[in-house]
Amino acid sequence: MTRGKFTLKIKEHILTPDGKRAYNEQHFTEAASRYDVATRAMSFGRDAAWKRSMVAELPGLPEPSCIDLACGTGDIAFLLAEKYPKGKVVGIDLTEPMLDLARKRNTNGHVNFLCGDMTATGLPDADADVITGSYAVRNAPDLRQAFQEIYRLLKPNGVVALLDFSKPANHYLQRLQCTVLRFWCGFWGLMLHGNAEIHSYIAASLEHFPDRDQLRALIDETGLCICHSQRFYLGILELLVLRKPAHGTGTAPATLDVIEEQGLAERTSSG
């Protein structure tokens, strides 16, 4: 692999949707070939367990329509295919090199991969029972548009599960977290690509991401309800499971018996 060909700096592109989209497309094109190695290394081998935990929180449905946003090389799409053998799974990613790897790994007839932007997928309204995203919405060109698109795609009572880095409200902890991530992730960018920017971008993207309280406010504004949250890695990551209310309920949460029926009783735990 040729090293040093990626020269963009996220701080020069992150402030506008078009700039962030262009950065992410080139960045993940460069990162694709060693992305799976990087996620395992940066997570001390825990990445796969977190993703299994995310899919385990999804409701048991007979033939759901599922969408995995920013699907990368297909990890979550394949877990969805295993959980829902009679369902339909569509993985969407911005970069063809990631999708090429996902398609090569795919042995499931009910899984397909499409190139697209998570803020404007072009998929039908209210067609998805389940939407997932691991390390996805933080990379959205426009976060508000990403949640609006998720809301549009979900059927009433549809569920979305998101796993991503989580930003504390305390400014001192924010600085500490970003410093650790910039060093640790940059180290693996340097080791795997000869360029610290390839993975130290995580810290920069988190600096411009809402903290936990702000993110919950945005979710509530979108009309989605939080059913479950769980933190990993000393709180550096968080799993959120959300639900789109049934028609006519506005943004109010579902009754507890409905949520429990779907295996999504609201709870918060640390892990």
Protein backbone atom coordinates (compact mmCIF):
# COMPACT_ATOMS: atom_id res chain seq x y z
CA MET A 1 0.00 0.00 0.00
CA THR A 2 1.27 3.45 -0.86
CA ARG A 3 1.70 5.57 2.25
CA GLY A 4 1.44 9.31 2.61
CA LYS A 5 -1.06 9.97 -0.19
CA PHE A 6 -3.75 11.26 2.19
CA THR A 7 -2.97 14.89 3.01
CA LEU A 8 -6.28 16.43 4.15
CA LYS A 9 -6.65 17.82 7.69
CA ILE A 10 -10.03 17.41 9.35
CA LYS A 11 -9.85 20.76 11.15
CA GLU A 12 -9.81 22.45 7.74
CA HIS A 13 -12.93 20.60 6.57
CA ILE A 14 -15.13 19.79 9.56
CA LEU A 15 -16.96 23.12 9.85
CA THR A 16 -19.12 22.70 6.73
CA PRO A 17 -21.22 19.70 5.61
CA ASP A 18 -19.62 19.66 2.15
CA GLY A 19 -16.14 19.88 3.61
CA LYS A 20 -16.76 17.10 6.13
CA ARG A 21 -18.35 14.87 3.48
CA ALA A 22 -15.36 15.34 1.15
CA TYR A 23 -12.92 14.68 3.99
CA ASN A 24 -14.71 11.53 5.07
CA GLU A 25 -14.90 10.15 1.54
CA GLN A 26 -11.15 10.49 1.03
CA HIS A 27 -10.26 9.54 4.59
CA PHE A 28 -12.22 6.29 4.64
CA THR A 29 -11.04 5.45 1.13
CA GLU A 30 -7.49 5.58 2.53
CA ALA A 31 -8.42 3.77 5.77
CA ALA A 32 -10.49 0.98 4.22
CA SER A 33 -7.77 -1.62 3.62
CA ARG A 34 -6.75 -1.72 7.29
CA TYR A 35 -9.90 -0.42 8.94
CA ASP A 36 -10.84 -3.71 10.62
CA VAL A 37 -7.33 -4.12 12.04
CA ALA A 38 -7.42 -0.54 13.31
CA THR A 39 -10.78 -0.86 15.08
CA ARG A 40 -9.63 -4.02 16.83
CA ALA A 41 -6.34 -2.46 17.86
CA MET A 42 -7.77 0.86 19.07
CA SER A 43 -10.46 -0.94 21.12
CA PHE A 44 -8.05 -3.47 22.68
CA GLY A 45 -10.00 -6.18 20.87
CA ARG A 46 -13.38 -5.15 22.33
CA ASP A 47 -14.95 -3.71 19.17
CA ALA A 48 -16.64 -6.97 18.11
CA ALA A 49 -18.15 -7.48 21.58
CA TRP A 50 -19.61 -3.96 21.59
CA LYS A 51 -21.18 -4.52 18.19
CA ARG A 52 -22.68 -7.83 19.33
CA SER A 53 -24.10 -6.04 22.39
CA MET A 54 -25.71 -3.46 20.13
CA VAL A 55 -27.42 -6.03 17.92
CA ALA A 56 -28.48 -8.07 20.96
CA GLU A 57 -30.51 -5.07 22.18
CA LEU A 58 -32.63 -5.04 19.03
CA PRO A 59 -36.13 -6.56 19.21
CA GLY A 60 -36.88 -10.06 17.96
CA LEU A 61 -38.79 -9.53 14.72
CA PRO A 62 -39.74 -12.18 12.13
CA GLU A 63 -38.95 -10.44 8.81
CA PRO A 64 -37.71 -6.91 9.46
CA SER A 65 -36.36 -4.44 6.94
CA CYS A 66 -32.99 -3.25 8.28
CA ILE A 67 -30.63 -0.44 7.30
CA ASP A 68 -27.04 -0.18 8.55
CA LEU A 69 -25.67 3.36 8.15
CA ALA A 70 -21.96 3.93 7.48
CA CYS A 71 -21.71 0.15 7.21
CA GLY A 72 -17.99 0.06 6.50
CA THR A 73 -16.79 -3.48 5.81
CA GLY A 74 -20.13 -4.99 6.89
CA ASP A 75 -19.70 -6.12 10.51
CA ILE A 76 -23.11 -4.94 11.70
CA ALA A 77 -24.91 -5.88 8.47
CA PHE A 78 -23.74 -9.47 8.88
CA LEU A 79 -24.78 -9.55 12.55
CA LEU A 80 -28.22 -8.29 11.49
CA ALA A 81 -28.39 -11.02 8.84
CA GLU A 82 -27.63 -13.61 11.51
CA LYS A 83 -30.23 -12.21 13.92
CA TYR A 84 -32.90 -11.84 11.22
CA PRO A 85 -32.42 -14.71 8.73
CA LYS A 86 -35.77 -13.94 7.08
CA GLY A 87 -35.28 -10.19 7.09
CA LYS A 88 -33.77 -7.78 4.57
CA VAL A 89 -30.56 -5.87 5.29
CA VAL A 90 -29.18 -2.89 3.36
CA GLY A 91 -25.77 -1.49 4.24
CA ILE A 92 -25.01 2.09 3.17
CA ASP A 93 -21.57 3.69 3.08
CA LEU A 94 -20.04 6.77 1.52
CA THR A 95 -16.96 5.03 0.15
CA GLU A 96 -16.70 2.33 -2.51
CA PRO A 97 -13.47 0.80 -1.13
CA MET A 98 -15.29 0.00 2.13
CA LEU A 99 -18.22 -1.43 0.19
CA ASP A 100 -15.91 -3.52 -2.00
CA LEU A 101 -14.58 -5.22 1.13
CA ALA A 102 -18.11 -5.71 2.51
CA ARG A 103 -19.32 -7.27 -0.74
CA LYS A 104 -16.37 -9.66 -0.83
CA ARG A 105 -17.22 -10.80 2.69
CA ASN A 106 -20.93 -11.16 2.00
CA THR A 107 -22.32 -14.71 1.86
CA ASN A 108 -25.91 -13.71 2.66
CA GLY A 109 -28.57 -13.54 -0.03
CA HIS A 110 -30.66 -11.10 2.02
CA VAL A 111 -27.86 -8.51 2.48
CA ASN A 112 -27.10 -5.78 -0.08
CA PHE A 113 -24.71 -2.84 -0.01
CA LEU A 114 -25.27 0.60 -1.53
CA CYS A 115 -23.07 3.66 -1.87
CA GLY A 116 -24.76 6.70 -0.35
CA ASP A 117 -24.83 9.53 2.18
CA MET A 118 -26.51 8.81 5.52
CA THR A 119 -28.14 12.26 5.45
CA ALA A 120 -29.85 11.58 2.12
CA THR A 121 -30.08 7.85 1.42
CA GLY A 122 -32.75 8.02 -1.27
CA LEU A 123 -34.53 5.03 0.32
CA PRO A 124 -38.34 5.02 0.79
CA ASP A 125 -40.15 6.75 3.65
CA ALA A 126 -41.14 4.68 6.69
CA ASP A 127 -39.78 1.45 5.22
CA ALA A 128 -37.30 0.35 7.91
CA ASP A 129 -38.11 -1.61 11.06
CA VAL A 130 -34.51 -1.40 12.29
CA ILE A 131 -31.68 1.09 11.65
CA THR A 132 -28.18 0.68 13.03
CA GLY A 133 -24.98 2.70 12.98
CA SER A 134 -21.63 1.96 14.59
CA TYR A 135 -19.27 4.96 14.63
CA ALA A 136 -21.73 6.45 12.15
CA VAL A 137 -23.62 9.60 13.17
CA ARG A 138 -20.50 11.32 14.50
CA ASN A 139 -19.24 11.26 10.92
CA ALA A 140 -22.45 12.60 9.40
CA PRO A 141 -21.88 15.73 7.27
CA ASP A 142 -24.83 17.30 9.14
CA LEU A 143 -25.90 15.60 12.38
CA ARG A 144 -29.37 17.12 12.48
CA GLN A 145 -30.05 16.00 8.92
CA ALA A 146 -28.80 12.51 9.78
CA PHE A 147 -31.34 12.16 12.60
CA GLN A 148 -34.09 13.61 10.41
CA GLU A 149 -33.23 11.02 7.77
CA ILE A 150 -33.30 8.23 10.36
CA TYR A 151 -36.72 9.42 11.52
CA ARG A 152 -37.96 9.55 7.92
CA LEU A 153 -36.74 6.04 7.13
CA LEU A 154 -38.19 4.37 10.24
CA LYS A 155 -41.65 2.87 10.41
CA PRO A 156 -43.78 3.88 13.40
CA ASN A 157 -42.42 1.93 16.40
CA GLY A 158 -39.22 1.29 14.42
CA VAL A 159 -35.98 1.01 16.38
CA VAL A 160 -32.54 2.53 15.86
CA ALA A 161 -29.35 1.43 17.66
CA LEU A 162 -26.28 3.66 17.60
CA LEU A 163 -22.80 2.89 18.96
CA ASP A 164 -20.33 5.75 18.99
CA PHE A 165 -17.84 7.75 20.99
CA SER A 166 -19.53 9.64 23.81
CA LYS A 167 -18.62 13.15 24.92
CA PRO A 168 -19.00 14.08 28.61
CA ALA A 169 -20.49 17.45 29.55
CA ASN A 170 -17.53 18.34 31.79
CA HIS A 171 -15.02 20.43 29.80
CA TYR A 172 -12.00 19.09 31.69
CA LEU A 173 -13.04 15.51 30.93
CA GLN A 174 -13.63 16.49 27.30
CA ARG A 175 -10.06 17.78 26.99
CA LEU A 176 -8.66 14.70 28.70
CA GLN A 177 -10.68 12.36 26.49
CA CYS A 178 -9.66 14.11 23.28
CA THR A 179 -5.99 14.17 24.30
CA VAL A 180 -6.00 10.42 24.99
CA LEU A 181 -7.85 9.65 21.74
CA ARG A 182 -5.62 11.93 19.67
CA PHE A 183 -2.51 10.13 20.95
CA TRP A 184 -3.83 6.56 20.94
CA CYS A 185 -5.70 6.67 17.63
CA GLY A 186 -2.99 8.76 16.00
CA PHE A 187 -0.45 6.11 17.01
CA TRP A 188 -2.41 3.47 15.08
CA GLY A 189 -2.83 5.77 12.10
CA LEU A 190 0.94 6.17 12.06
CA MET A 191 1.57 2.45 12.49
CA LEU A 192 -0.91 1.27 9.84
CA HIS A 193 -0.78 4.10 7.30
CA GLY A 194 2.27 6.19 8.07
CA ASN A 195 -0.08 9.10 8.85
CA ALA A 196 -1.42 9.93 12.32
CA GLU A 197 -4.30 11.93 10.79
CA ILE A 198 -5.92 8.71 9.51
CA HIS A 199 -7.26 7.84 12.96
CA SER A 200 -6.49 10.86 15.15
CA TYR A 201 -9.40 12.46 13.25
CA ILE A 202 -11.61 10.70 15.84
CA ALA A 203 -10.57 13.22 18.49
CA ALA A 204 -11.17 16.20 16.20
CA SER A 205 -14.58 14.91 15.14
CA LEU A 206 -15.54 14.39 18.78
CA GLU A 207 -14.57 17.99 19.62
CA HIS A 208 -17.32 19.14 17.23
CA PHE A 209 -19.84 16.50 18.37
CA PRO A 210 -22.56 17.28 20.96
CA ASP A 211 -21.95 16.20 24.53
CA ARG A 212 -24.29 13.59 26.02
CA ASP A 213 -26.88 16.11 27.20
CA GLN A 214 -26.85 18.03 23.93
CA LEU A 215 -27.14 14.82 21.93
CA ARG A 216 -30.17 13.73 23.92
CA ALA A 217 -31.78 17.12 23.36
CA LEU A 218 -31.23 16.77 19.61
CA ILE A 219 -32.68 13.25 19.64
CA ASP A 220 -35.73 14.47 21.51
CA GLU A 221 -36.13 17.38 19.10
CA THR A 222 -36.08 14.96 16.18
CA GLY A 223 -38.97 13.02 17.71
CA LEU A 224 -37.15 9.82 18.66
CA CYS A 225 -37.38 8.31 22.15
CA ILE A 226 -34.41 6.84 24.06
CA CYS A 227 -35.23 3.33 25.28
CA HIS A 228 -31.82 2.13 26.41
CA SER A 229 -28.33 3.46 26.98
CA GLN A 230 -25.13 1.69 27.94
CA ARG A 231 -21.57 2.96 28.19
CA PHE A 232 -18.39 1.07 27.37
CA TYR A 233 -14.67 1.65 27.71
CA LEU A 234 -14.95 3.77 30.90
CA GLY A 235 -17.66 5.84 29.25
CA ILE A 236 -15.66 6.71 26.13
CA LEU A 237 -18.29 4.95 24.01
CA GLU A 238 -22.06 4.76 24.39
CA LEU A 239 -24.76 2.56 22.94
CA LEU A 240 -28.13 4.26 22.44
CA VAL A 241 -31.28 2.42 21.42
CA LEU A 242 -34.04 4.74 20.18
CA ARG A 243 -37.60 4.26 18.98
CA LYS A 244 -39.84 6.20 16.65
CA PRO A 245 -43.25 6.64 18.31
CA ALA A 246 -46.39 5.32 16.67
CA HIS A 247 -48.44 7.81 14.66
CA GLY A 248 -50.46 10.17 16.79
CA THR A 249 -48.22 9.94 19.87
CA GLY A 250 -46.02 12.92 19.06
CA THR A 251 -42.67 12.62 20.81
CA ALA A 252 -44.00 10.96 23.98
CA PRO A 253 -42.42 7.62 24.91
CA ALA A 254 -44.28 4.39 24.30
CA THR A 255 -46.00 2.77 27.24
CA LEU A 256 -43.68 0.53 29.23
CA ASP A 257 -45.48 -2.67 28.27
CA VAL A 258 -44.95 -1.95 24.57
CA ILE A 259 -41.25 -1.30 25.09
CA GLU A 260 -40.83 -4.42 27.21
CA GLU A 261 -42.60 -6.49 24.57
CA GLN A 262 -39.88 -5.44 22.14
CA GLY A 263 -37.13 -6.20 24.64
CA LEU A 264 -36.27 -2.53 24.97
CA ALA A 265 -37.20 -1.62 28.55
CA GLU A 266 -35.49 1.63 29.41
CA ARG A 267 -32.35 1.13 31.45
CA THR A 268 -28.92 2.62 31.80
CA SER A 269 -25.85 0.64 32.77
CA SER A 270 -22.09 1.06 32.67
CA GLY A 271 -19.74 -1.53 31.20
